[in-house]
N, C-alpha and C. Protein backbone atom coordinates (compact mmCIF):
# COMPACT_ATOMS: atom_id res chain seq x y z
N MET A 1 0.66 -1.21 0.34
CA MET A 1 -0.52 0.28 0.06
C MET A 1 1.23 1.00 0.19
N SER A 2 2.22 1.49 -0.35
CA SER A 2 2.87 2.62 -0.27
C SER A 2 2.75 2.75 -1.89
N ASP A 3 1.50 2.91 -3.27
CA ASP A 3 2.07 2.90 -4.17
C ASP A 3 1.47 4.24 -4.18
N THR A 4 2.67 5.30 -4.88
CA THR A 4 1.61 7.05 -4.78
C THR A 4 0.64 6.58 -5.66
N ASN A 5 0.35 6.49 -6.24
CA ASN A 5 -1.46 5.93 -7.46
C ASN A 5 -1.80 4.55 -6.77
N ARG A 6 -3.30 4.36 -5.69
CA ARG A 6 -3.77 3.12 -4.85
C ARG A 6 -5.32 3.06 -5.80
N ALA A 7 -5.09 1.47 -6.00
CA ALA A 7 -6.26 1.25 -6.39
C ALA A 7 -7.49 1.54 -5.69
N THR A 8 -8.88 2.08 -5.61
CA THR A 8 -9.95 1.71 -5.23
C THR A 8 -10.18 0.34 -5.35
N PRO A 9 -11.16 -0.16 -4.13
CA PRO A 9 -11.46 -2.01 -4.65
C PRO A 9 -12.24 -1.52 -5.74
N ALA A 10 -13.77 -0.60 -4.95
CA ALA A 10 -15.17 -0.42 -6.33
C ALA A 10 -14.65 -1.14 -7.28
N THR A 11 -13.47 0.74 -8.14
CA THR A 11 -13.45 0.68 -9.49
C THR A 11 -12.37 0.24 -9.71
N GLY A 12 -11.46 0.51 -9.31
CA GLY A 12 -9.83 0.08 -9.36
C GLY A 12 -8.70 0.67 -10.70
N ALA A 13 -9.98 2.47 -10.48
CA ALA A 13 -9.16 3.55 -10.79
C ALA A 13 -8.20 4.23 -9.48
N ALA A 14 -7.28 4.44 -10.35
CA ALA A 14 -6.43 5.09 -8.96
C ALA A 14 -6.94 6.67 -8.67
N THR A 15 -6.83 7.01 -7.33
CA THR A 15 -7.23 8.47 -6.72
C THR A 15 -5.80 9.43 -6.02
N ASP A 16 -5.85 10.40 -6.74
CA ASP A 16 -4.81 11.48 -6.38
C ASP A 16 -5.53 12.77 -5.82
N ALA A 17 -6.95 12.68 -5.80
CA ALA A 17 -7.20 13.82 -5.24
C ALA A 17 -6.27 14.35 -4.11
N GLY A 18 -6.29 16.16 -3.64
CA GLY A 18 -5.61 16.49 -2.65
C GLY A 18 -6.17 15.60 -1.11
N GLY A 19 -7.62 15.60 -0.69
CA GLY A 19 -7.76 14.94 0.43
C GLY A 19 -7.73 13.21 0.83
N SER A 20 -6.75 12.65 -0.50
CA SER A 20 -6.96 11.21 -0.76
C SER A 20 -5.86 10.91 -0.18
N VAL A 21 -4.61 12.16 -0.52
CA VAL A 21 -2.91 11.84 -0.24
C VAL A 21 -3.19 11.82 1.00
N TRP A 22 -3.87 12.43 2.07
CA TRP A 22 -3.78 12.59 3.16
C TRP A 22 -4.17 11.72 3.94
N LEU A 23 -5.28 11.26 3.34
CA LEU A 23 -5.98 10.60 3.60
C LEU A 23 -5.45 9.16 3.71
N ARG A 24 -4.61 8.64 3.20
CA ARG A 24 -3.61 7.84 2.40
C ARG A 24 -2.47 7.70 3.46
N GLU A 25 -1.78 9.08 3.92
CA GLU A 25 -0.58 9.57 4.80
C GLU A 25 -0.81 9.19 5.87
N LEU A 26 -2.24 9.33 6.51
CA LEU A 26 -2.80 10.11 7.98
C LEU A 26 -2.11 9.12 9.37
N PRO A 27 -2.15 7.62 8.54
CA PRO A 27 -1.04 6.40 10.33
C PRO A 27 0.49 6.53 9.88
N TYR A 28 0.87 7.41 9.13
CA TYR A 28 2.01 7.80 9.15
C TYR A 28 2.51 8.53 9.72
N ILE A 29 1.29 9.87 9.55
CA ILE A 29 1.67 11.02 10.17
C ILE A 29 0.89 10.99 11.46
N ALA A 30 0.24 10.24 12.04
CA ALA A 30 -0.06 10.23 13.57
C ALA A 30 0.42 8.66 14.51
N ILE A 31 1.10 8.57 14.35
CA ILE A 31 2.25 7.46 14.12
C ILE A 31 3.60 8.81 14.56
N LEU A 32 4.21 9.52 14.15
CA LEU A 32 5.10 10.48 14.22
C LEU A 32 4.34 11.38 15.19
N LEU A 33 3.12 12.19 15.03
CA LEU A 33 3.12 13.23 15.98
C LEU A 33 2.56 12.95 17.37
N LEU A 34 2.45 11.02 16.71
CA LEU A 34 2.32 10.32 19.23
C LEU A 34 3.19 10.11 19.53
N THR A 35 4.37 9.82 18.53
CA THR A 35 6.18 10.13 19.03
C THR A 35 6.85 11.26 19.00
N LEU A 36 5.99 12.84 18.63
CA LEU A 36 6.34 14.14 19.12
C LEU A 36 5.77 14.55 20.60
N GLY A 37 4.57 14.17 20.42
CA GLY A 37 3.62 14.85 21.84
C GLY A 37 4.79 13.22 22.88
N GLY A 38 5.20 12.60 23.23
CA GLY A 38 5.21 11.45 23.63
C GLY A 38 6.92 12.46 24.04
N VAL A 39 7.45 11.89 23.20
CA VAL A 39 8.76 13.28 23.84
C VAL A 39 8.41 14.22 24.07
N GLY A 40 7.79 15.16 23.69
CA GLY A 40 7.52 16.51 24.21
C GLY A 40 7.48 16.83 25.76
N TYR A 41 5.79 15.49 25.88
CA TYR A 41 5.57 15.93 26.76
C TYR A 41 6.64 15.36 27.76
N SER A 42 7.50 13.92 27.81
CA SER A 42 8.06 13.96 28.75
C SER A 42 9.63 14.54 28.98
N ALA A 43 9.39 15.56 27.90
CA ALA A 43 10.07 16.32 28.52
C ALA A 43 10.08 17.52 29.67
N MET A 44 8.35 17.86 29.47
CA MET A 44 8.05 19.20 29.85
C MET A 44 8.17 18.29 31.52
N THR A 45 7.62 17.22 31.25
CA THR A 45 7.38 16.14 33.17
C THR A 45 8.69 15.36 33.85
N ARG A 46 9.39 15.58 32.82
CA ARG A 46 10.74 14.63 32.80
C ARG A 46 10.45 13.17 33.90
N SER A 47 9.52 13.25 33.71
CA SER A 47 8.15 10.77 34.01
C SER A 47 8.97 10.94 32.69
N PRO A 48 8.47 9.41 32.69
CA PRO A 48 8.77 8.63 31.91
C PRO A 48 7.26 7.98 31.87
N LEU A 49 6.94 7.99 30.34
CA LEU A 49 5.13 7.51 30.01
C LEU A 49 5.02 6.06 29.87
N GLN A 50 5.27 5.43 30.01
CA GLN A 50 5.29 3.66 30.49
C GLN A 50 4.11 3.28 29.61
N TYR A 51 2.99 3.25 30.29
CA TYR A 51 2.13 3.31 28.55
C TYR A 51 1.29 3.94 27.77
N TYR A 52 2.11 5.04 27.68
CA TYR A 52 1.43 5.54 26.52
C TYR A 52 2.76 5.19 25.48
N TRP A 53 3.78 4.82 25.86
CA TRP A 53 5.09 4.31 24.96
C TRP A 53 4.64 3.02 23.99
N VAL A 54 3.72 2.24 24.83
CA VAL A 54 3.28 0.68 24.55
C VAL A 54 1.82 0.49 24.22
N LEU A 55 0.91 1.51 24.29
CA LEU A 55 0.12 2.79 23.12
C LEU A 55 0.46 2.88 21.27
N VAL A 56 1.91 4.02 21.51
CA VAL A 56 2.60 4.32 20.78
C VAL A 56 2.79 2.98 19.78
N ALA A 57 3.08 1.88 20.47
CA ALA A 57 3.63 1.19 20.32
C ALA A 57 2.40 -0.05 19.31
N PHE A 58 1.32 -0.76 19.97
CA PHE A 58 0.75 -0.95 19.18
C PHE A 58 -0.25 -0.44 18.20
N CYS A 59 -0.24 1.18 17.83
CA CYS A 59 -0.83 2.07 16.80
C CYS A 59 0.94 1.53 15.63
N ASN A 60 2.40 1.37 15.58
CA ASN A 60 3.21 0.58 14.85
C ASN A 60 2.50 -0.20 14.25
N CYS A 61 1.95 -1.04 15.15
CA CYS A 61 2.19 -2.51 15.03
C CYS A 61 1.23 -2.62 13.74
N ALA A 62 -0.31 -1.81 13.49
CA ALA A 62 -1.39 -2.06 13.02
C ALA A 62 -1.38 -1.32 11.90
N THR A 63 -0.47 -0.06 12.31
CA THR A 63 0.34 0.57 10.98
C THR A 63 0.97 -0.23 10.11
N CYS A 64 2.41 -1.27 10.74
CA CYS A 64 3.00 -2.12 10.24
C CYS A 64 2.27 -3.21 9.25
N ILE A 65 1.13 -3.29 9.81
CA ILE A 65 0.36 -4.82 9.38
C ILE A 65 -0.98 -3.98 7.95
N TYR A 66 -1.22 -3.37 8.25
CA TYR A 66 -2.10 -1.91 7.65
C TYR A 66 -0.83 -2.05 5.73
N GLU A 67 0.15 -1.88 5.66
CA GLU A 67 1.13 -1.05 5.23
C GLU A 67 1.56 -2.99 4.65
N GLY A 68 2.07 -3.26 4.81
CA GLY A 68 1.87 -5.01 4.34
C GLY A 68 0.59 -5.26 3.71
N TRP A 69 -0.68 -5.12 4.64
CA TRP A 69 -1.73 -5.74 3.69
C TRP A 69 -2.16 -5.74 2.26
N SER A 70 -1.36 -5.52 2.28
CA SER A 70 -1.31 -4.72 0.25
C SER A 70 -0.46 -6.36 -1.10
N ARG A 71 0.52 -5.68 0.09
CA ARG A 71 1.33 -7.19 -0.95
C ARG A 71 1.35 -8.72 -0.41
N ALA A 72 0.61 -8.37 0.40
CA ALA A 72 0.66 -9.75 1.21
C ALA A 72 -0.58 -10.78 0.15
N ARG A 73 -0.17 -11.75 -0.95
CA ARG A 73 -1.55 -11.79 -1.37
C ARG A 73 -1.98 -13.14 -0.96
N ASP A 74 -2.41 -13.98 -0.52
CA ASP A 74 -2.43 -14.83 -0.11
C ASP A 74 -3.22 -14.99 1.56
N ARG A 75 -3.85 -15.47 2.44
CA ARG A 75 -4.38 -15.95 3.54
C ARG A 75 -3.13 -15.85 4.44
N ARG A 76 -2.08 -17.11 3.29
CA ARG A 76 -1.02 -17.62 4.97
C ARG A 76 0.01 -16.33 4.90
N ALA A 77 -0.23 -15.28 3.89
CA ALA A 77 1.64 -14.23 3.57
C ALA A 77 0.82 -13.24 4.70
N ARG A 78 -0.44 -12.78 4.66
CA ARG A 78 -1.32 -11.86 5.56
C ARG A 78 -1.08 -12.25 7.28
N TRP A 79 -1.34 -14.25 7.19
CA TRP A 79 -1.42 -14.25 8.73
C TRP A 79 0.56 -14.74 9.39
N ARG A 80 1.41 -14.63 8.74
CA ARG A 80 2.65 -14.40 8.34
C ARG A 80 2.32 -12.80 8.33
N LEU A 81 2.53 -12.38 8.13
CA LEU A 81 2.95 -11.02 8.14
C LEU A 81 2.03 -10.26 9.17
N ILE A 82 0.79 -10.85 9.66
CA ILE A 82 0.45 -9.98 11.12
C ILE A 82 0.67 -10.83 12.87
N TRP A 83 1.84 -12.30 12.71
CA TRP A 83 2.36 -12.61 13.59
C TRP A 83 3.92 -12.54 13.84
N THR A 84 4.35 -11.90 12.35
CA THR A 84 6.05 -11.22 12.11
C THR A 84 5.42 -10.05 12.93
N GLN A 85 4.90 -9.33 12.88
CA GLN A 85 4.20 -7.91 13.00
C GLN A 85 4.89 -8.27 14.81
N ILE A 86 3.25 -8.49 15.18
CA ILE A 86 3.11 -8.78 16.62
C ILE A 86 4.18 -9.39 17.61
N LEU A 87 4.99 -10.07 16.54
CA LEU A 87 6.08 -10.93 17.42
C LEU A 87 7.41 -9.68 17.45
N HIS A 88 7.36 -9.14 16.88
CA HIS A 88 8.41 -8.39 15.94
C HIS A 88 8.38 -7.12 17.36
N TRP A 89 6.71 -6.06 17.54
CA TRP A 89 6.80 -5.09 18.78
C TRP A 89 6.32 -6.11 19.99
N ALA A 90 5.58 -6.63 20.43
CA ALA A 90 6.14 -7.63 21.52
C ALA A 90 7.26 -7.84 21.65
N ALA A 91 8.69 -7.93 21.35
CA ALA A 91 9.17 -7.60 21.19
C ALA A 91 10.18 -6.52 21.78
N PHE A 92 9.70 -5.63 21.73
CA PHE A 92 9.99 -3.79 21.80
C PHE A 92 8.98 -4.38 23.00
N LEU A 93 7.96 -4.06 23.12
CA LEU A 93 7.88 -3.77 24.68
C LEU A 93 8.32 -5.31 25.56
N VAL A 94 9.23 -6.16 25.42
CA VAL A 94 10.02 -7.07 26.22
C VAL A 94 10.52 -5.91 27.12
N ALA A 95 11.71 -5.20 25.47
CA ALA A 95 12.65 -4.98 25.89
C ALA A 95 12.55 -3.70 26.78
N MET A 96 11.87 -2.41 26.15
CA MET A 96 10.61 -1.58 27.49
C MET A 96 10.29 -1.96 28.91
N ALA A 97 9.55 -2.91 29.23
CA ALA A 97 9.76 -3.27 30.16
C ALA A 97 10.99 -3.21 31.03
N LEU A 98 12.11 -3.96 30.43
CA LEU A 98 12.91 -4.47 30.69
C LEU A 98 13.99 -2.48 31.47
N VAL A 99 13.46 -2.41 30.57
CA VAL A 99 13.69 -0.23 31.14
C VAL A 99 12.98 -0.04 31.97
N PHE A 100 11.63 -0.36 32.14
CA PHE A 100 10.98 -0.20 33.24
C PHE A 100 11.48 -0.87 35.00
N LEU A 101 11.94 -2.40 34.77
CA LEU A 101 12.71 -2.77 36.37
C LEU A 101 12.78 -1.41 36.64
N PRO A 102 12.27 -2.18 38.43
CA PRO A 102 12.71 -0.87 39.67
C PRO A 102 14.14 -0.99 39.42
N SER A 103 14.84 -2.58 39.16
CA SER A 103 16.40 -2.53 39.89
C SER A 103 17.35 -1.35 38.59
N VAL A 104 16.22 -1.22 36.99
CA VAL A 104 17.08 -0.18 36.14
C VAL A 104 17.04 1.25 36.93
N GLN A 105 15.19 1.62 37.08
CA GLN A 105 15.35 2.95 37.43
C GLN A 105 16.01 3.38 38.67
N ALA A 106 16.38 2.21 39.01
CA ALA A 106 16.63 2.41 40.48
C ALA A 106 18.56 3.50 39.99
N VAL A 107 19.21 3.16 38.86
CA VAL A 107 20.13 3.72 38.13
C VAL A 107 19.94 4.95 37.44
N ALA A 108 19.33 4.94 36.25
CA ALA A 108 18.55 5.46 35.14
C ALA A 108 17.02 7.09 35.55
N ASP A 109 17.68 7.89 35.60
CA ASP A 109 16.49 9.06 35.94
C ASP A 109 15.50 8.66 34.97
N ALA A 110 14.63 9.81 35.04
CA ALA A 110 13.44 9.72 33.31
C ALA A 110 13.64 10.21 32.73
N ASP A 111 14.82 10.95 32.98
CA ASP A 111 15.18 11.17 31.15
C ASP A 111 15.54 10.57 30.57
N SER A 112 16.90 9.84 31.39
CA SER A 112 17.65 9.13 30.05
C SER A 112 16.80 7.70 29.89
N THR A 113 15.42 7.56 30.52
CA THR A 113 14.54 6.54 30.43
C THR A 113 14.42 6.86 29.39
N SER A 114 13.17 7.93 29.54
CA SER A 114 13.03 8.80 28.39
C SER A 114 13.01 8.65 27.06
N LEU A 115 14.85 8.65 26.70
CA LEU A 115 15.65 8.43 25.87
C LEU A 115 15.74 7.60 25.89
N ILE A 116 16.15 5.96 26.86
CA ILE A 116 16.25 5.04 26.30
C ILE A 116 14.66 4.02 25.21
N VAL A 117 13.75 5.25 25.47
CA VAL A 117 12.63 4.34 25.03
C VAL A 117 12.27 4.70 23.71
N LEU A 118 12.38 5.44 23.74
CA LEU A 118 12.61 6.33 22.80
C LEU A 118 13.67 5.73 21.42
N LEU A 119 14.83 5.24 21.72
CA LEU A 119 15.20 4.89 20.55
C LEU A 119 15.00 3.49 20.89
N LEU A 120 14.99 2.74 21.86
CA LEU A 120 14.10 1.50 21.63
C LEU A 120 12.90 1.65 20.21
N LEU A 121 12.01 2.02 20.24
CA LEU A 121 10.71 2.80 19.52
C LEU A 121 11.24 2.90 18.07
N ALA A 122 12.20 4.04 18.15
CA ALA A 122 13.08 4.05 16.75
C ALA A 122 13.54 3.02 15.86
N LEU A 123 14.63 2.22 17.49
CA LEU A 123 15.18 1.18 16.20
C LEU A 123 13.96 -0.12 15.48
N GLY A 124 12.74 0.46 16.75
CA GLY A 124 11.92 -0.37 16.03
C GLY A 124 11.32 -0.53 14.94
N THR A 125 10.65 1.12 15.10
CA THR A 125 10.12 1.11 13.74
C THR A 125 10.61 1.16 12.87
N PHE A 126 11.90 1.71 12.52
CA PHE A 126 12.73 2.04 11.47
C PHE A 126 13.24 -0.37 10.62
N VAL A 127 12.82 -0.36 12.13
CA VAL A 127 13.32 -2.10 11.71
C VAL A 127 11.93 -3.33 11.24
N ALA A 128 10.70 -2.82 11.00
CA ALA A 128 9.77 -3.24 10.49
C ALA A 128 9.49 -1.39 10.15
N GLY A 129 10.33 -1.33 9.10
CA GLY A 129 9.58 -0.51 7.39
C GLY A 129 10.31 -1.49 7.33
N VAL A 130 11.57 -1.56 7.28
CA VAL A 130 12.82 -3.03 6.47
C VAL A 130 12.09 -3.99 6.12
N HIS A 131 11.45 -4.94 7.45
CA HIS A 131 10.59 -6.03 7.70
C HIS A 131 9.24 -5.76 6.37
N THR A 132 8.55 -4.63 6.19
CA THR A 132 7.31 -4.76 5.66
C THR A 132 7.59 -3.48 4.06
N ALA A 133 9.18 -3.80 3.93
CA ALA A 133 10.12 -2.95 2.92
C ALA A 133 8.55 -1.88 2.83
N SER A 134 8.71 -0.41 4.22
CA SER A 134 7.73 0.17 3.86
C SER A 134 8.71 1.59 4.15
N TRP A 135 9.41 2.70 3.04
CA TRP A 135 9.96 3.34 3.50
C TRP A 135 8.92 4.83 4.00
N ARG A 136 8.18 4.46 4.01
CA ARG A 136 7.38 4.97 4.84
C ARG A 136 8.02 5.76 6.30
N ILE A 137 7.04 3.80 6.92
CA ILE A 137 7.79 3.78 8.32
C ILE A 137 9.50 3.25 7.98
N GLY A 138 9.95 3.71 7.72
CA GLY A 138 11.59 4.08 8.30
C GLY A 138 11.97 4.41 7.75
N LEU A 139 11.13 5.62 7.36
CA LEU A 139 11.67 6.93 7.88
C LEU A 139 11.31 8.30 9.25
N ASN A 140 9.97 7.00 9.22
CA ASN A 140 9.09 7.35 10.51
C ASN A 140 10.43 7.06 11.73
N GLY A 141 10.76 5.67 11.79
CA GLY A 141 12.05 5.47 12.42
C GLY A 141 13.15 6.36 12.32
N VAL A 142 13.56 6.98 11.58
CA VAL A 142 14.47 7.99 11.13
C VAL A 142 14.54 8.69 12.16
N VAL A 143 13.39 9.22 11.71
CA VAL A 143 12.75 10.84 11.97
C VAL A 143 12.92 11.29 14.08
N MET A 144 12.22 9.72 14.54
CA MET A 144 11.85 9.32 15.76
C MET A 144 14.03 8.68 16.18
N ALA A 145 14.38 8.51 16.03
CA ALA A 145 16.03 8.28 16.18
C ALA A 145 16.85 9.27 16.35
N LEU A 146 16.62 10.81 15.66
CA LEU A 146 17.21 11.38 15.15
C LEU A 146 16.27 12.72 16.84
N CYS A 147 15.62 11.91 16.86
CA CYS A 147 14.36 13.19 18.28
C CYS A 147 15.59 12.68 18.98
N VAL A 148 16.21 11.76 19.66
CA VAL A 148 16.71 11.54 20.17
C VAL A 148 18.10 12.77 20.73
N PRO A 149 18.88 12.84 19.49
CA PRO A 149 20.36 13.76 20.08
C PRO A 149 19.98 15.70 20.66
N ALA A 150 18.33 15.87 20.06
CA ALA A 150 17.84 16.85 19.28
C ALA A 150 17.30 17.06 21.30
N VAL A 151 16.47 16.16 21.50
CA VAL A 151 15.86 16.03 22.49
C VAL A 151 16.73 16.29 23.46
N ALA A 152 17.81 15.79 23.93
CA ALA A 152 18.91 15.89 24.87
C ALA A 152 19.87 16.95 24.35
N TRP A 153 20.46 17.27 22.86
CA TRP A 153 20.97 18.98 22.81
C TRP A 153 20.23 19.72 23.84
N VAL A 154 18.29 19.62 23.52
CA VAL A 154 17.34 20.98 24.17
C VAL A 154 17.40 20.75 25.30
N ASP A 155 17.73 19.42 26.01
CA ASP A 155 17.53 19.69 27.88
C ASP A 155 18.90 19.93 28.20
N GLN A 156 19.92 19.29 27.53
CA GLN A 156 21.39 20.85 28.03
C GLN A 156 21.43 21.73 27.78
N SER A 157 20.48 22.70 26.79
CA SER A 157 21.11 23.77 26.15
C SER A 157 19.33 24.68 26.71
N ALA A 158 19.04 23.56 27.74
CA ALA A 158 17.51 25.39 27.67
C ALA A 158 17.74 25.79 28.63
N LEU A 159 19.36 26.73 29.39
CA LEU A 159 19.36 27.85 29.77
C LEU A 159 19.83 28.52 28.64
N LEU A 160 20.38 27.95 27.39
CA LEU A 160 20.79 28.85 26.44
C LEU A 160 19.37 29.27 25.59
N LEU A 161 18.60 27.96 25.37
CA LEU A 161 17.99 28.29 23.98
C LEU A 161 16.20 29.50 25.45
N SER A 162 16.22 29.75 26.44
CA SER A 162 16.10 30.52 27.03
C SER A 162 16.24 31.97 26.84
N LEU A 163 17.65 32.69 26.55
CA LEU A 163 17.57 33.51 26.79
C LEU A 163 18.09 33.67 25.37
N GLY A 164 18.16 32.85 25.14
CA GLY A 164 17.75 33.13 22.77
C GLY A 164 16.41 33.72 22.89
N ALA A 165 15.47 32.45 23.23
CA ALA A 165 13.75 33.11 22.94
C ALA A 165 13.76 35.00 23.76
N LEU A 166 14.26 34.88 24.47
CA LEU A 166 13.36 36.23 25.62
C LEU A 166 14.26 36.72 24.89
N ALA A 167 16.01 37.36 24.14
CA ALA A 167 16.35 37.80 23.52
C ALA A 167 15.69 38.19 22.37
N VAL A 168 14.98 37.40 21.76
CA VAL A 168 14.45 37.19 20.60
C VAL A 168 12.60 38.01 20.14
N ILE A 169 12.38 38.04 21.82
CA ILE A 169 10.94 38.87 22.46
C ILE A 169 11.87 40.35 22.62
N LEU A 170 12.37 40.00 23.19
CA LEU A 170 12.67 42.00 23.16
C LEU A 170 13.11 42.72 22.43
N LEU A 171 14.11 41.93 21.18
CA LEU A 171 14.09 42.64 19.88
C LEU A 171 13.06 43.06 19.23
N GLY A 172 12.32 41.81 19.11
CA GLY A 172 11.19 42.40 18.75
C GLY A 172 9.96 43.42 19.34
N ALA A 173 9.65 42.94 20.59
CA ALA A 173 9.49 44.45 21.62
C ALA A 173 10.71 45.49 20.85
N PHE A 174 10.86 45.81 20.16
CA PHE A 174 12.10 46.95 21.08
C PHE A 174 11.61 47.59 18.65
N GLY A 175 11.89 46.36 18.39
CA GLY A 175 10.90 47.10 17.06
C GLY A 175 9.86 47.04 16.49
N PHE A 176 8.56 46.34 17.79
CA PHE A 176 7.65 47.28 17.37
C PHE A 176 7.33 48.40 18.04
N ILE A 177 8.24 48.84 19.11
CA ILE A 177 7.88 49.66 19.29
C ILE A 177 8.19 51.52 18.65
N LEU A 178 9.93 51.04 17.95
CA LEU A 178 9.94 52.11 16.90
C LEU A 178 9.46 52.18 16.06
N TRP A 179 8.40 50.99 15.11
CA TRP A 179 8.05 51.12 14.59
C TRP A 179 7.05 51.59 14.71
N VAL A 180 5.84 52.07 15.58
CA VAL A 180 5.07 52.81 16.11
C VAL A 180 4.79 54.35 16.49
N ARG A 181 6.31 54.20 17.05
CA ARG A 181 6.51 55.18 17.30
C ARG A 181 6.82 56.38 15.36
N ARG A 182 7.49 55.58 15.00
CA ARG A 182 8.02 56.44 13.91
C ARG A 182 6.71 56.42 12.99
N LYS A 183 5.76 55.31 12.98
CA LYS A 183 4.03 55.91 12.18
C LYS A 183 3.80 57.11 12.93
N ALA A 184 3.66 57.36 14.30
CA ALA A 184 2.91 58.64 15.14
C ALA A 184 3.84 59.63 14.75
């Protein structure tokens, strides 16, 4: 189901309207938005979101099955797709559960736990993209992986970013005041 022009089941005609493109891309965009939302929330609250990441893993699993369904031509291939994706994402969930064990949490803080889970999710998504031969799922995995160093950098650079934002706001206010004075 990764073709640009997809045939509708009833007519066999290709659909390429603007709305259908967004509808077709909705599962991949939703996964990316769920991931970015979880990263943002984890960064703000400084608490790991174990059950949220489980939800994201289930959404990833469903999207991978959706993606590979059209290429699985018979019933046996579809069952194989379903079971391989279920086992793939179950392995991710087990690895994530290990990260949330109390003995691991004793040596890892909430920030590092969130980054570890995001890295596991990125790896799982990329590998699932390889197995389903879906560049969209693989690209989601790459974007998730790029979020790991980005979140770490933002976390370390919070003071610098805050000062930069304050400088931009002050310069904007100063420019606005000068503009209003010149206009008057």
